[in-house]
Amino acid sequence: MYNDSFTIRDRLEEISESIELIKEWSKGRKNVDDYMLSSDGVMAFNACVMRIQVIGEQVGKLLKYDPSPLSAYPQIPWLAIYDMRNIISHEYANIDEALVVSVINNDIPQLETVIKDILK
């Protein structure tokens, strides 16, 4: 059921939880083949994609606040995160697997640092 009573903190914690799950599911996987060459890997990939979608959804909601708690962190491409959510939602069959793996390996750690900072 949709919950529109989320606070800023709730949304940030949802992002943080998603990051933790992505880290857990991607542990030991560094490239596309690590995900795509086994059924467990594909399941982990799909789960990570779903959580990237959750992150994008929450970022989109947080961007609507005035002022947005994200505006103090321009080094994070917030709109690109939201755009990726839209691609996942509307073009799932056309997801670029290498891009997703790059996001998991390179962008999620930086995002984690910023979200932890905001939550302090």
PDB file of N, CA and C in Angstrom:
ATOM      1  N   MET A   1       0.841  -1.184   0.000  1.00  0.00           N
ATOM      2  CA  MET A   1       0.000   0.000   0.000  1.00  0.00           C
ATOM      3  C   MET A   1       0.882   1.242   0.000  1.00  0.00           C
ATOM      4  N   TYR A   2       0.474   2.271  -0.720  1.00  0.00           N
ATOM      5  CA  TYR A   2       1.232   3.521  -0.828  1.00  0.00           C
ATOM      6  C   TYR A   2       1.143   4.300   0.468  1.00  0.00           C
ATOM      7  N   ASN A   3       2.275   4.794   0.938  1.00  0.00           N
ATOM      8  CA  ASN A   3       2.322   5.571   2.169  1.00  0.00           C
ATOM      9  C   ASN A   3       2.853   6.953   1.847  1.00  0.00           C
ATOM     10  N   ASP A   4       1.971   7.937   1.812  1.00  0.00           N
ATOM     11  CA  ASP A   4       2.378   9.293   1.485  1.00  0.00           C
ATOM     12  C   ASP A   4       2.750  10.097   2.727  1.00  0.00           C
ATOM     13  N   SER A   5       2.809   9.441   3.871  1.00  0.00           N
ATOM     14  CA  SER A   5       3.140  10.156   5.102  1.00  0.00           C
ATOM     15  C   SER A   5       4.612   9.992   5.476  1.00  0.00           C
ATOM     16  N   PHE A   6       5.419   9.554   4.529  1.00  0.00           N
ATOM     17  CA  PHE A   6       6.856   9.415   4.779  1.00  0.00           C
ATOM     18  C   PHE A   6       7.453  10.784   5.087  1.00  0.00           C
ATOM     19  N   THR A   7       8.348  10.804   6.063  1.00  0.00           N
ATOM     20  CA  THR A   7       9.099  12.021   6.360  1.00  0.00           C
ATOM     21  C   THR A   7      10.386  12.010   5.540  1.00  0.00           C
ATOM     22  N   ILE A   8      11.092  13.117   5.572  1.00  0.00           N
ATOM     23  CA  ILE A   8      12.399  13.169   4.907  1.00  0.00           C
ATOM     24  C   ILE A   8      13.287  12.064   5.460  1.00  0.00           C
ATOM     25  N   ARG A   9      13.298  11.915   6.760  1.00  0.00           N
ATOM     26  CA  ARG A   9      14.133  10.878   7.388  1.00  0.00           C
ATOM     27  C   ARG A   9      13.718   9.483   6.922  1.00  0.00           C
ATOM     28  N   ASP A  10      12.421   9.219   6.839  1.00  0.00           N
ATOM     29  CA  ASP A  10      11.942   7.922   6.353  1.00  0.00           C
ATOM     30  C   ASP A  10      12.491   7.637   4.955  1.00  0.00           C
ATOM     31  N   ARG A  11      12.454   8.638   4.107  1.00  0.00           N
ATOM     32  CA  ARG A  11      12.922   8.463   2.732  1.00  0.00           C
ATOM     33  C   ARG A  11      14.424   8.219   2.687  1.00  0.00           C
ATOM     34  N   LEU A  12      15.168   8.948   3.499  1.00  0.00           N
ATOM     35  CA  LEU A  12      16.617   8.747   3.565  1.00  0.00           C
ATOM     36  C   LEU A  12      16.953   7.360   4.115  1.00  0.00           C
ATOM     37  N   GLU A  13      16.202   6.919   5.103  1.00  0.00           N
ATOM     38  CA  GLU A  13      16.432   5.586   5.671  1.00  0.00           C
ATOM     39  C   GLU A  13      16.082   4.497   4.658  1.00  0.00           C
ATOM     40  N   GLU A  14      15.068   4.720   3.838  1.00  0.00           N
ATOM     41  CA  GLU A  14      14.725   3.768   2.775  1.00  0.00           C
ATOM     42  C   GLU A  14      15.877   3.662   1.779  1.00  0.00           C
ATOM     43  N   ILE A  15      16.474   4.794   1.439  1.00  0.00           N
ATOM     44  CA  ILE A  15      17.641   4.787   0.550  1.00  0.00           C
ATOM     45  C   ILE A  15      18.795   4.035   1.209  1.00  0.00           C
ATOM     46  N   SER A  16      19.036   4.312   2.472  1.00  0.00           N
ATOM     47  CA  SER A  16      20.116   3.647   3.198  1.00  0.00           C
ATOM     48  C   SER A  16      19.908   2.137   3.251  1.00  0.00           C
ATOM     49  N   GLU A  17      18.684   1.709   3.522  1.00  0.00           N
ATOM     50  CA  GLU A  17      18.372   0.282   3.551  1.00  0.00           C
ATOM     51  C   GLU A  17      18.607  -0.353   2.178  1.00  0.00           C
ATOM     52  N   SER A  18      18.208   0.340   1.135  1.00  0.00           N
ATOM     53  CA  SER A  18      18.414  -0.169  -0.223  1.00  0.00           C
ATOM     54  C   SER A  18      19.901  -0.314  -0.527  1.00  0.00           C
ATOM     55  N   ILE A  19      20.689   0.653  -0.117  1.00  0.00           N
ATOM     56  CA  ILE A  19      22.136   0.585  -0.319  1.00  0.00           C
ATOM     57  C   ILE A  19      22.714  -0.630   0.390  1.00  0.00           C
ATOM     58  N   GLU A  20      22.304  -0.857   1.618  1.00  0.00           N
ATOM     59  CA  GLU A  20      22.814  -2.013   2.375  1.00  0.00           C
ATOM     60  C   GLU A  20      22.455  -3.327   1.679  1.00  0.00           C
ATOM     61  N   LEU A  21      21.243  -3.424   1.180  1.00  0.00           N
ATOM     62  CA  LEU A  21      20.834  -4.639   0.482  1.00  0.00           C
ATOM     63  C   LEU A  21      21.619  -4.824  -0.814  1.00  0.00           C
ATOM     64  N   ILE A  22      21.809  -3.757  -1.561  1.00  0.00           N
ATOM     65  CA  ILE A  22      22.598  -3.841  -2.791  1.00  0.00           C
ATOM     66  C   ILE A  22      24.016  -4.309  -2.469  1.00  0.00           C
ATOM     67  N   LYS A  23      24.608  -3.761  -1.430  1.00  0.00           N
ATOM     68  CA  LYS A  23      25.968  -4.179  -1.037  1.00  0.00           C
ATOM     69  C   LYS A  23      26.004  -5.669  -0.690  1.00  0.00           C
ATOM     70  N   GLU A  24      24.997  -6.132   0.019  1.00  0.00           N
ATOM     71  CA  GLU A  24      24.941  -7.546   0.405  1.00  0.00           C
ATOM     72  C   GLU A  24      24.784  -8.444  -0.815  1.00  0.00           C
ATOM     73  N   TRP A  25      23.863  -8.105  -1.695  1.00  0.00           N
ATOM     74  CA  TRP A  25      23.566  -8.949  -2.856  1.00  0.00           C
ATOM     75  C   TRP A  25      24.660  -8.911  -3.917  1.00  0.00           C
ATOM     76  N   SER A  26      25.459  -7.848  -3.922  1.00  0.00           N
ATOM     77  CA  SER A  26      26.509  -7.716  -4.943  1.00  0.00           C
ATOM     78  C   SER A  26      27.880  -8.147  -4.441  1.00  0.00           C
ATOM     79  N   LYS A  27      27.958  -8.550  -3.198  1.00  0.00           N
ATOM     80  CA  LYS A  27      29.236  -8.951  -2.614  1.00  0.00           C
ATOM     81  C   LYS A  27      29.889 -10.054  -3.459  1.00  0.00           C
ATOM     82  N   GLY A  28      31.139  -9.809  -3.834  1.00  0.00           N
ATOM     83  CA  GLY A  28      31.883 -10.785  -4.620  1.00  0.00           C
ATOM     84  C   GLY A  28      31.601 -10.734  -6.107  1.00  0.00           C
ATOM     85  N   ARG A  29      30.737  -9.825  -6.526  1.00  0.00           N
ATOM     86  CA  ARG A  29      30.404  -9.694  -7.949  1.00  0.00           C
ATOM     87  C   ARG A  29      30.965  -8.367  -8.448  1.00  0.00           C
ATOM     88  N   LYS A  30      31.811  -8.424  -9.468  1.00  0.00           N
ATOM     89  CA  LYS A  30      32.474  -7.207  -9.941  1.00  0.00           C
ATOM     90  C   LYS A  30      32.144  -6.839 -11.387  1.00  0.00           C
ATOM     91  N   ASN A  31      31.654  -7.792 -12.180  1.00  0.00           N
ATOM     92  CA  ASN A  31      31.383  -7.496 -13.590  1.00  0.00           C
ATOM     93  C   ASN A  31      30.066  -8.144 -14.011  1.00  0.00           C
ATOM     94  N   VAL A  32      29.642  -7.838 -15.214  1.00  0.00           N
ATOM     95  CA  VAL A  32      28.348  -8.320 -15.707  1.00  0.00           C
ATOM     96  C   VAL A  32      28.272  -9.845 -15.676  1.00  0.00           C
ATOM     97  N   ASP A  33      29.345 -10.519 -16.073  1.00  0.00           N
ATOM     98  CA  ASP A  33      29.322 -11.991 -16.082  1.00  0.00           C
ATOM     99  C   ASP A  33      29.086 -12.573 -14.692  1.00  0.00           C
ATOM    100  N   ASP A  34      29.574 -11.885 -13.666  1.00  0.00           N
ATOM    101  CA  ASP A  34      29.357 -12.369 -12.295  1.00  0.00           C
ATOM    102  C   ASP A  34      27.872 -12.427 -11.951  1.00  0.00           C
ATOM    103  N   TYR A  35      27.089 -11.642 -12.644  1.00  0.00           N
ATOM    104  CA  TYR A  35      25.645 -11.645 -12.435  1.00  0.00           C
ATOM    105  C   TYR A  35      24.918 -12.529 -13.448  1.00  0.00           C
ATOM    106  N   MET A  36      25.319 -12.472 -14.688  1.00  0.00           N
ATOM    107  CA  MET A  36      24.517 -13.033 -15.770  1.00  0.00           C
ATOM    108  C   MET A  36      24.804 -14.500 -16.096  1.00  0.00           C
ATOM    109  N   LEU A  37      25.835 -15.086 -15.516  1.00  0.00           N
ATOM    110  CA  LEU A  37      26.185 -16.462 -15.883  1.00  0.00           C
ATOM    111  C   LEU A  37      25.655 -17.520 -14.920  1.00  0.00           C
ATOM    112  N   SER A  38      24.825 -17.107 -13.976  1.00  0.00           N
ATOM    113  CA  SER A  38      24.198 -18.084 -13.085  1.00  0.00           C
ATOM    114  C   SER A  38      22.821 -17.579 -12.680  1.00  0.00           C
ATOM    115  N   SER A  39      21.957 -18.483 -12.318  1.00  0.00           N
ATOM    116  CA  SER A  39      20.611 -18.065 -11.917  1.00  0.00           C
ATOM    117  C   SER A  39      20.656 -17.251 -10.623  1.00  0.00           C
ATOM    118  N   ASP A  40      21.561 -17.594  -9.711  1.00  0.00           N
ATOM    119  CA  ASP A  40      21.710 -16.805  -8.486  1.00  0.00           C
ATOM    120  C   ASP A  40      22.188 -15.393  -8.803  1.00  0.00           C
ATOM    121  N   GLY A  41      23.107 -15.299  -9.750  1.00  0.00           N
ATOM    122  CA  GLY A  41      23.612 -13.991 -10.149  1.00  0.00           C
ATOM    123  C   GLY A  41      22.531 -13.141 -10.789  1.00  0.00           C
ATOM    124  N   VAL A  42      21.731 -13.749 -11.648  1.00  0.00           N
ATOM    125  CA  VAL A  42      20.632 -13.020 -12.289  1.00  0.00           C
ATOM    126  C   VAL A  42      19.637 -12.552 -11.240  1.00  0.00           C
ATOM    127  N   MET A  43      19.347 -13.413 -10.273  1.00  0.00           N
ATOM    128  CA  MET A  43      18.424 -13.027  -9.213  1.00  0.00           C
ATOM    129  C   MET A  43      19.000 -11.857  -8.406  1.00  0.00           C
ATOM    130  N   ALA A  44      20.293 -11.905  -8.100  1.00  0.00           N
ATOM    131  CA  ALA A  44      20.936 -10.808  -7.365  1.00  0.00           C
ATOM    132  C   ALA A  44      20.892  -9.523  -8.194  1.00  0.00           C
ATOM    133  N   PHE A  45      21.166  -9.643  -9.494  1.00  0.00           N
ATOM    134  CA  PHE A  45      21.125  -8.479 -10.380  1.00  0.00           C
ATOM    135  C   PHE A  45      19.729  -7.856 -10.370  1.00  0.00           C
ATOM    136  N   ASN A  46      18.716  -8.677 -10.552  1.00  0.00           N
ATOM    137  CA  ASN A  46      17.342  -8.176 -10.574  1.00  0.00           C
ATOM    138  C   ASN A  46      16.963  -7.518  -9.248  1.00  0.00           C
ATOM    139  N   ALA A  47      17.400  -8.109  -8.153  1.00  0.00           N
ATOM    140  CA  ALA A  47      17.116  -7.528  -6.837  1.00  0.00           C
ATOM    141  C   ALA A  47      17.815  -6.176  -6.686  1.00  0.00           C
ATOM    142  N   CYS A  48      19.051  -6.084  -7.133  1.00  0.00           N
ATOM    143  CA  CYS A  48      19.785  -4.813  -7.072  1.00  0.00           C
ATOM    144  C   CYS A  48      19.106  -3.754  -7.927  1.00  0.00           C
ATOM    145  N   VAL A  49      18.673  -4.142  -9.112  1.00  0.00           N
ATOM    146  CA  VAL A  49      17.976  -3.197  -9.996  1.00  0.00           C
ATOM    147  C   VAL A  49      16.713  -2.684  -9.310  1.00  0.00           C
ATOM    148  N   MET A  50      15.981  -3.564  -8.660  1.00  0.00           N
ATOM    149  CA  MET A  50      14.761  -3.137  -7.971  1.00  0.00           C
ATOM    150  C   MET A  50      15.094  -2.127  -6.876  1.00  0.00           C
ATOM    151  N   ARG A  51      16.180  -2.355  -6.166  1.00  0.00           N
ATOM    152  CA  ARG A  51      16.556  -1.424  -5.099  1.00  0.00           C
ATOM    153  C   ARG A  51      17.111  -0.116  -5.653  1.00  0.00           C
ATOM    154  N   ILE A  52      17.745  -0.152  -6.811  1.00  0.00           N
ATOM    155  CA  ILE A  52      18.160   1.089  -7.465  1.00  0.00           C
ATOM    156  C   ILE A  52      16.912   1.889  -7.847  1.00  0.00           C
ATOM    157  N   GLN A  53      15.882   1.187  -8.261  1.00  0.00           N
ATOM    158  CA  GLN A  53      14.610   1.833  -8.575  1.00  0.00           C
ATOM    159  C   GLN A  53      14.020   2.482  -7.317  1.00  0.00           C
ATOM    160  N   VAL A  54      14.071   1.799  -6.200  1.00  0.00           N
ATOM    161  CA  VAL A  54      13.572   2.344  -4.933  1.00  0.00           C
ATOM    162  C   VAL A  54      14.353   3.611  -4.572  1.00  0.00           C
ATOM    163  N   ILE A  55      15.668   3.557  -4.719  1.00  0.00           N
ATOM    164  CA  ILE A  55      16.497   4.733  -4.432  1.00  0.00           C
ATOM    165  C   ILE A  55      16.061   5.901  -5.309  1.00  0.00           C
ATOM    166  N   GLY A  56      15.895   5.643  -6.590  1.00  0.00           N
ATOM    167  CA  GLY A  56      15.480   6.701  -7.508  1.00  0.00           C
ATOM    168  C   GLY A  56      14.131   7.286  -7.154  1.00  0.00           C
ATOM    169  N   GLU A  57      13.215   6.441  -6.753  1.00  0.00           N
ATOM    170  CA  GLU A  57      11.880   6.909  -6.359  1.00  0.00           C
ATOM    171  C   GLU A  57      11.974   7.837  -5.151  1.00  0.00           C
ATOM    172  N   GLN A  58      12.746   7.436  -4.157  1.00  0.00           N
ATOM    173  CA  GLN A  58      12.885   8.264  -2.949  1.00  0.00           C
ATOM    174  C   GLN A  58      13.627   9.564  -3.254  1.00  0.00           C
ATOM    175  N   VAL A  59      14.644   9.495  -4.105  1.00  0.00           N
ATOM    176  CA  VAL A  59      15.358  10.709  -4.511  1.00  0.00           C
ATOM    177  C   VAL A  59      14.387  11.668  -5.200  1.00  0.00           C
ATOM    178  N   GLY A  60      13.558  11.145  -6.081  1.00  0.00           N
ATOM    179  CA  GLY A  60      12.573  11.984  -6.755  1.00  0.00           C
ATOM    180  C   GLY A  60      11.658  12.696  -5.771  1.00  0.00           C
ATOM    181  N   LYS A  61      11.224  11.990  -4.759  1.00  0.00           N
ATOM    182  CA  LYS A  61      10.364  12.601  -3.735  1.00  0.00           C
ATOM    183  C   LYS A  61      11.133  13.660  -2.948  1.00  0.00           C
ATOM    184  N   LEU A  62      12.385  13.358  -2.600  1.00  0.00           N
ATOM    185  CA  LEU A  62      13.193  14.306  -1.826  1.00  0.00           C
ATOM    186  C   LEU A  62      13.522  15.563  -2.620  1.00  0.00           C
ATOM    187  N   LEU A  63      13.636  15.445  -3.922  1.00  0.00           N
ATOM    188  CA  LEU A  63      13.915  16.611  -4.759  1.00  0.00           C
ATOM    189  C   LEU A  63      12.744  17.595  -4.777  1.00  0.00           C
ATOM    190  N   LYS A  64      11.553  17.140  -4.413  1.00  0.00           N
ATOM    191  CA  LYS A  64      10.372  17.996  -4.422  1.00  0.00           C
ATOM    192  C   LYS A  64      10.247  18.870  -3.176  1.00  0.00           C
ATOM    193  N   TYR A  65      11.022  18.543  -2.126  1.00  0.00           N
ATOM    194  CA  TYR A  65      10.983  19.363  -0.916  1.00  0.00           C
ATOM    195  C   TYR A  65      11.642  20.710  -1.196  1.00  0.00           C
ATOM    196  N   ASP A  66      11.150  21.749  -0.538  1.00  0.00           N
ATOM    197  CA  ASP A  66      11.744  23.078  -0.684  1.00  0.00           C
ATOM    198  C   ASP A  66      12.079  23.620   0.700  1.00  0.00           C
ATOM    199  N   PRO A  67      13.348  23.649   1.057  1.00  0.00           N
ATOM    200  CA  PRO A  67      14.507  23.244   0.257  1.00  0.00           C
ATOM    201  C   PRO A  67      14.705  21.733   0.327  1.00  0.00           C
ATOM    202  N   SER A  68      15.321  21.193  -0.684  1.00  0.00           N
ATOM    203  CA  SER A  68      15.597  19.760  -0.711  1.00  0.00           C
ATOM    204  C   SER A  68      16.801  19.462   0.166  1.00  0.00           C
ATOM    205  N   PRO A  69      16.721  18.409   0.971  1.00  0.00           N
ATOM    206  CA  PRO A  69      17.887  18.034   1.780  1.00  0.00           C
ATOM    207  C   PRO A  69      19.060  17.563   0.920  1.00  0.00           C
ATOM    208  N   LEU A  70      18.817  17.339  -0.362  1.00  0.00           N
ATOM    209  CA  LEU A  70      19.858  16.848  -1.264  1.00  0.00           C
ATOM    210  C   LEU A  70      20.652  17.988  -1.896  1.00  0.00           C
ATOM    211  N   SER A  71      20.126  19.198  -1.833  1.00  0.00           N
ATOM    212  CA  SER A  71      20.750  20.312  -2.547  1.00  0.00           C
ATOM    213  C   SER A  71      22.132  20.667  -2.018  1.00  0.00           C
ATOM    214  N   ALA A  72      22.455  20.275  -0.813  1.00  0.00           N
ATOM    215  CA  ALA A  72      23.779  20.559  -0.244  1.00  0.00           C
ATOM    216  C   ALA A  72      24.852  19.613  -0.775  1.00  0.00           C
ATOM    217  N   TYR A  73      24.461  18.683  -1.635  1.00  0.00           N
ATOM    218  CA  TYR A  73      25.388  17.670  -2.154  1.00  0.00           C
ATOM    219  C   TYR A  73      25.349  17.631  -3.676  1.00  0.00           C
ATOM    220  N   PRO A  74      25.825  18.698  -4.316  1.00  0.00           N
ATOM    221  CA  PRO A  74      25.754  18.763  -5.779  1.00  0.00           C
ATOM    222  C   PRO A  74      26.684  17.775  -6.487  1.00  0.00           C
ATOM    223  N   GLN A  75      27.592  17.156  -5.760  1.00  0.00           N
ATOM    224  CA  GLN A  75      28.489  16.173  -6.375  1.00  0.00           C
ATOM    225  C   GLN A  75      27.760  14.880  -6.741  1.00  0.00           C
ATOM    226  N   ILE A  76      26.577  14.705  -6.230  1.00  0.00           N
ATOM    227  CA  ILE A  76      25.760  13.528  -6.564  1.00  0.00           C
ATOM    228  C   ILE A  76      24.797  13.928  -7.675  1.00  0.00           C
ATOM    229  N   PRO A  77      24.721  13.158  -8.754  1.00  0.00           N
ATOM    230  CA  PRO A  77      23.812  13.493  -9.861  1.00  0.00           C
ATOM    231  C   PRO A  77      22.374  13.048  -9.551  1.00  0.00           C
ATOM    232  N   TRP A  78      21.713  13.812  -8.699  1.00  0.00           N
ATOM    233  CA  TRP A  78      20.390  13.430  -8.209  1.00  0.00           C
ATOM    234  C   TRP A  78      19.390  13.205  -9.332  1.00  0.00           C
ATOM    235  N   LEU A  79      19.378  14.075 -10.301  1.00  0.00           N
ATOM    236  CA  LEU A  79      18.420  13.912 -11.404  1.00  0.00           C
ATOM    237  C   LEU A  79      18.724  12.663 -12.225  1.00  0.00           C
ATOM    238  N   ALA A  80      19.992  12.323 -12.378  1.00  0.00           N
ATOM    239  CA  ALA A  80      20.354  11.103 -13.101  1.00  0.00           C
ATOM    240  C   ALA A  80      19.881   9.865 -12.338  1.00  0.00           C
ATOM    241  N   ILE A  81      19.922   9.930 -11.018  1.00  0.00           N
ATOM    242  CA  ILE A  81      19.427   8.818 -10.197  1.00  0.00           C
ATOM    243  C   ILE A  81      17.928   8.644 -10.428  1.00  0.00           C
ATOM    244  N   TYR A  82      17.210   9.755 -10.432  1.00  0.00           N
ATOM    245  CA  TYR A  82      15.780   9.694 -10.682  1.00  0.00           C
ATOM    246  C   TYR A  82      15.492   9.236 -12.115  1.00  0.00           C
ATOM    247  N   ASP A  83      16.281   9.711 -13.064  1.00  0.00           N
ATOM    248  CA  ASP A  83      16.112   9.285 -14.453  1.00  0.00           C
ATOM    249  C   ASP A  83      16.340   7.783 -14.614  1.00  0.00           C
ATOM    250  N   MET A  84      17.315   7.241 -13.884  1.00  0.00           N
ATOM    251  CA  MET A  84      17.562   5.797 -13.961  1.00  0.00           C
ATOM    252  C   MET A  84      16.350   5.038 -13.435  1.00  0.00           C
ATOM    253  N   ARG A  85      15.719   5.560 -12.418  1.00  0.00           N
ATOM    254  CA  ARG A  85      14.499   4.950 -11.892  1.00  0.00           C
ATOM    255  C   ARG A  85      13.439   4.892 -12.985  1.00  0.00           C
ATOM    256  N   ASN A  86      13.320   5.964 -13.752  1.00  0.00           N
ATOM    257  CA  ASN A  86      12.327   5.996 -14.824  1.00  0.00           C
ATOM    258  C   ASN A  86      12.639   4.981 -15.917  1.00  0.00           C
ATOM    259  N   ILE A  87      13.893   4.845 -16.255  1.00  0.00           N
ATOM    260  CA  ILE A  87      14.286   3.854 -17.260  1.00  0.00           C
ATOM    261  C   ILE A  87      13.963   2.446 -16.763  1.00  0.00           C
ATOM    262  N   ILE A  88      14.303   2.176 -15.516  1.00  0.00           N
ATOM    263  CA  ILE A  88      14.009   0.857 -14.948  1.00  0.00           C
ATOM    264  C   ILE A  88      12.495   0.603 -14.971  1.00  0.00           C
ATOM    265  N   SER A  89      11.732   1.602 -14.591  1.00  0.00           N
ATOM    266  CA  SER A  89      10.279   1.440 -14.500  1.00  0.00           C
ATOM    267  C   SER A  89       9.610   1.260 -15.854  1.00  0.00           C
ATOM    268  N   HIS A  90      10.114   1.963 -16.858  1.00  0.00           N
ATOM    269  CA  HIS A  90       9.400   2.005 -18.135  1.00  0.00           C
ATOM    270  C   HIS A  90      10.088   1.266 -19.271  1.00  0.00           C
ATOM    271  N   GLU A  91      11.353   0.935 -19.101  1.00  0.00           N
ATOM    272  CA  GLU A  91      12.119   0.274 -20.168  1.00  0.00           C
ATOM    273  C   GLU A  91      12.923  -0.902 -19.616  1.00  0.00           C
ATOM    274  N   TYR A  92      12.330  -1.666 -18.699  1.00  0.00           N
ATOM    275  CA  TYR A  92      13.080  -2.699 -17.977  1.00  0.00           C
ATOM    276  C   TYR A  92      13.812  -3.648 -18.918  1.00  0.00           C
ATOM    277  N   ALA A  93      13.203  -4.005 -20.028  1.00  0.00           N
ATOM    278  CA  ALA A  93      13.820  -4.954 -20.960  1.00  0.00           C
ATOM    279  C   ALA A  93      15.039  -4.362 -21.661  1.00  0.00           C
ATOM    280  N   ASN A  94      15.204  -3.049 -21.593  1.00  0.00           N
ATOM    281  CA  ASN A  94      16.317  -2.392 -22.273  1.00  0.00           C
ATOM    282  C   ASN A  94      17.390  -1.883 -21.316  1.00  0.00           C
ATOM    283  N   ILE A  95      17.415  -2.400 -20.124  1.00  0.00           N
ATOM    284  CA  ILE A  95      18.409  -1.958 -19.144  1.00  0.00           C
ATOM    285  C   ILE A  95      19.804  -2.348 -19.616  1.00  0.00           C
ATOM    286  N   ASP A  96      20.717  -1.398 -19.509  1.00  0.00           N
ATOM    287  CA  ASP A  96      22.122  -1.622 -19.839  1.00  0.00           C
ATOM    288  C   ASP A  96      22.784  -2.281 -18.622  1.00  0.00           C
ATOM    289  N   GLU A  97      23.045  -3.579 -18.728  1.00  0.00           N
ATOM    290  CA  GLU A  97      23.580  -4.335 -17.592  1.00  0.00           C
ATOM    291  C   GLU A  97      24.921  -3.797 -17.129  1.00  0.00           C
ATOM    292  N   ALA A  98      25.769  -3.398 -18.065  1.00  0.00           N
ATOM    293  CA  ALA A  98      27.086  -2.864 -17.694  1.00  0.00           C
ATOM    294  C   ALA A  98      26.940  -1.546 -16.921  1.00  0.00           C
ATOM    295  N   LEU A  99      25.974  -0.733 -17.302  1.00  0.00           N
ATOM    296  CA  LEU A  99      25.745   0.515 -16.584  1.00  0.00           C
ATOM    297  C   LEU A  99      25.284   0.232 -15.160  1.00  0.00           C
ATOM    298  N   VAL A 100      24.385  -0.723 -14.997  1.00  0.00           N
ATOM    299  CA  VAL A 100      23.901  -1.073 -13.661  1.00  0.00           C
ATOM    300  C   VAL A 100      25.059  -1.564 -12.791  1.00  0.00           C
ATOM    301  N   VAL A 101      25.902  -2.419 -13.344  1.00  0.00           N
ATOM    302  CA  VAL A 101      27.042  -2.930 -12.579  1.00  0.00           C
ATOM    303  C   VAL A 101      27.996  -1.789 -12.224  1.00  0.00           C
ATOM    304  N   SER A 102      28.185  -0.853 -13.134  1.00  0.00           N
ATOM    305  CA  SER A 102      29.014   0.314 -12.844  1.00  0.00           C
ATOM    306  C   SER A 102      28.416   1.143 -11.700  1.00  0.00           C
ATOM    307  N   VAL A 103      27.115   1.331 -11.727  1.00  0.00           N
ATOM    308  CA  VAL A 103      26.439   2.060 -10.650  1.00  0.00           C
ATOM    309  C   VAL A 103      26.660   1.340  -9.320  1.00  0.00           C
ATOM    310  N   ILE A 104      26.481   0.034  -9.316  1.00  0.00           N
ATOM    311  CA  ILE A 104      26.661  -0.742  -8.090  1.00  0.00           C
ATOM    312  C   ILE A 104      28.089  -0.601  -7.573  1.00  0.00           C
ATOM    313  N   ASN A 105      29.062  -0.747  -8.459  1.00  0.00           N
ATOM    314  CA  ASN A 105      30.472  -0.744  -8.047  1.00  0.00           C
ATOM    315  C   ASN A 105      31.019   0.644  -7.738  1.00  0.00           C
ATOM    316  N   ASN A 106      30.580   1.645  -8.475  1.00  0.00           N
ATOM    317  CA  ASN A 106      31.216   2.956  -8.384  1.00  0.00           C
ATOM    318  C   ASN A 106      30.370   4.040  -7.729  1.00  0.00           C
ATOM    319  N   ASP A 107      29.069   4.014  -7.968  1.00  0.00           N
ATOM    320  CA  ASP A 107      28.228   5.117  -7.502  1.00  0.00           C
ATOM    321  C   ASP A 107      27.565   4.856  -6.151  1.00  0.00           C
ATOM    322  N   ILE A 108      27.193   3.623  -5.905  1.00  0.00           N
ATOM    323  CA  ILE A 108      26.534   3.298  -4.637  1.00  0.00           C
ATOM    324  C   ILE A 108      27.423   3.640  -3.439  1.00  0.00           C
ATOM    325  N   PRO A 109      28.727   3.335  -3.452  1.00  0.00           N
ATOM    326  CA  PRO A 109      29.559   3.706  -2.294  1.00  0.00           C
ATOM    327  C   PRO A 109      29.580   5.214  -2.022  1.00  0.00           C
ATOM    328  N   GLN A 110      29.661   6.020  -3.067  1.00  0.00           N
ATOM    329  CA  GLN A 110      29.649   7.473  -2.886  1.00  0.00           C
ATOM    330  C   GLN A 110      28.292   7.935  -2.364  1.00  0.00           C
ATOM    331  N   LEU A 111      27.228   7.367  -2.901  1.00  0.00           N
ATOM    332  CA  LEU A 111      25.890   7.710  -2.434  1.00  0.00           C
ATOM    333  C   LEU A 111      25.725   7.335  -0.969  1.00  0.00           C
ATOM    334  N   GLU A 112      26.250   6.183  -0.590  1.00  0.00           N
ATOM    335  CA  GLU A 112      26.160   5.736   0.802  1.00  0.00           C
ATOM    336  C   GLU A 112      26.795   6.760   1.744  1.00  0.00           C
ATOM    337  N   THR A 113      27.955   7.257   1.386  1.00  0.00           N
ATOM    338  CA  THR A 113      28.650   8.244   2.221  1.00  0.00           C
ATOM    339  C   THR A 113      27.787   9.498   2.408  1.00  0.00           C
ATOM    340  N   VAL A 114      27.189   9.989   1.335  1.00  0.00           N
ATOM    341  CA  VAL A 114      26.371  11.189   1.404  1.00  0.00           C
ATOM    342  C   VAL A 114      25.100  10.950   2.219  1.00  0.00           C
ATOM    343  N   ILE A 115      24.449   9.832   1.998  1.00  0.00           N
ATOM    344  CA  ILE A 115      23.203   9.549   2.744  1.00  0.00           C
ATOM    345  C   ILE A 115      23.503   9.426   4.229  1.00  0.00           C
ATOM    346  N   LYS A 116      24.587   8.770   4.581  1.00  0.00           N
ATOM    347  CA  LYS A 116      24.965   8.689   6.008  1.00  0.00           C
ATOM    348  C   LYS A 116      25.209  10.071   6.579  1.00  0.00           C
ATOM    349  N   ASP A 117      25.854  10.946   5.805  1.00  0.00           N
ATOM    350  CA  ASP A 117      26.125  12.310   6.252  1.00  0.00           C
ATOM    351  C   ASP A 117      24.824  13.070   6.468  1.00  0.00           C
ATOM    352  N   ILE A 118      23.896  12.951   5.547  1.00  0.00           N
ATOM    353  CA  ILE A 118      22.617  13.653   5.683  1.00  0.00           C
ATOM    354  C   ILE A 118      21.854  13.139   6.905  1.00  0.00           C
ATOM    355  N   LEU A 119      21.910  11.836   7.144  1.00  0.00           N
ATOM    356  CA  LEU A 119      21.183  11.250   8.269  1.00  0.00           C
ATOM    357  C   LEU A 119      21.762  11.641   9.637  1.00  0.00           C
ATOM    358  N   LYS A 120      22.993  12.111   9.646  1.00  0.00           N
ATOM    359  CA  LYS A 120      23.586  12.545  10.934  1.00  0.00           C
ATOM    360  C   LYS A 120      22.875  13.724  11.412  1.00  0.00           C
TER     361      LYS A 120
END
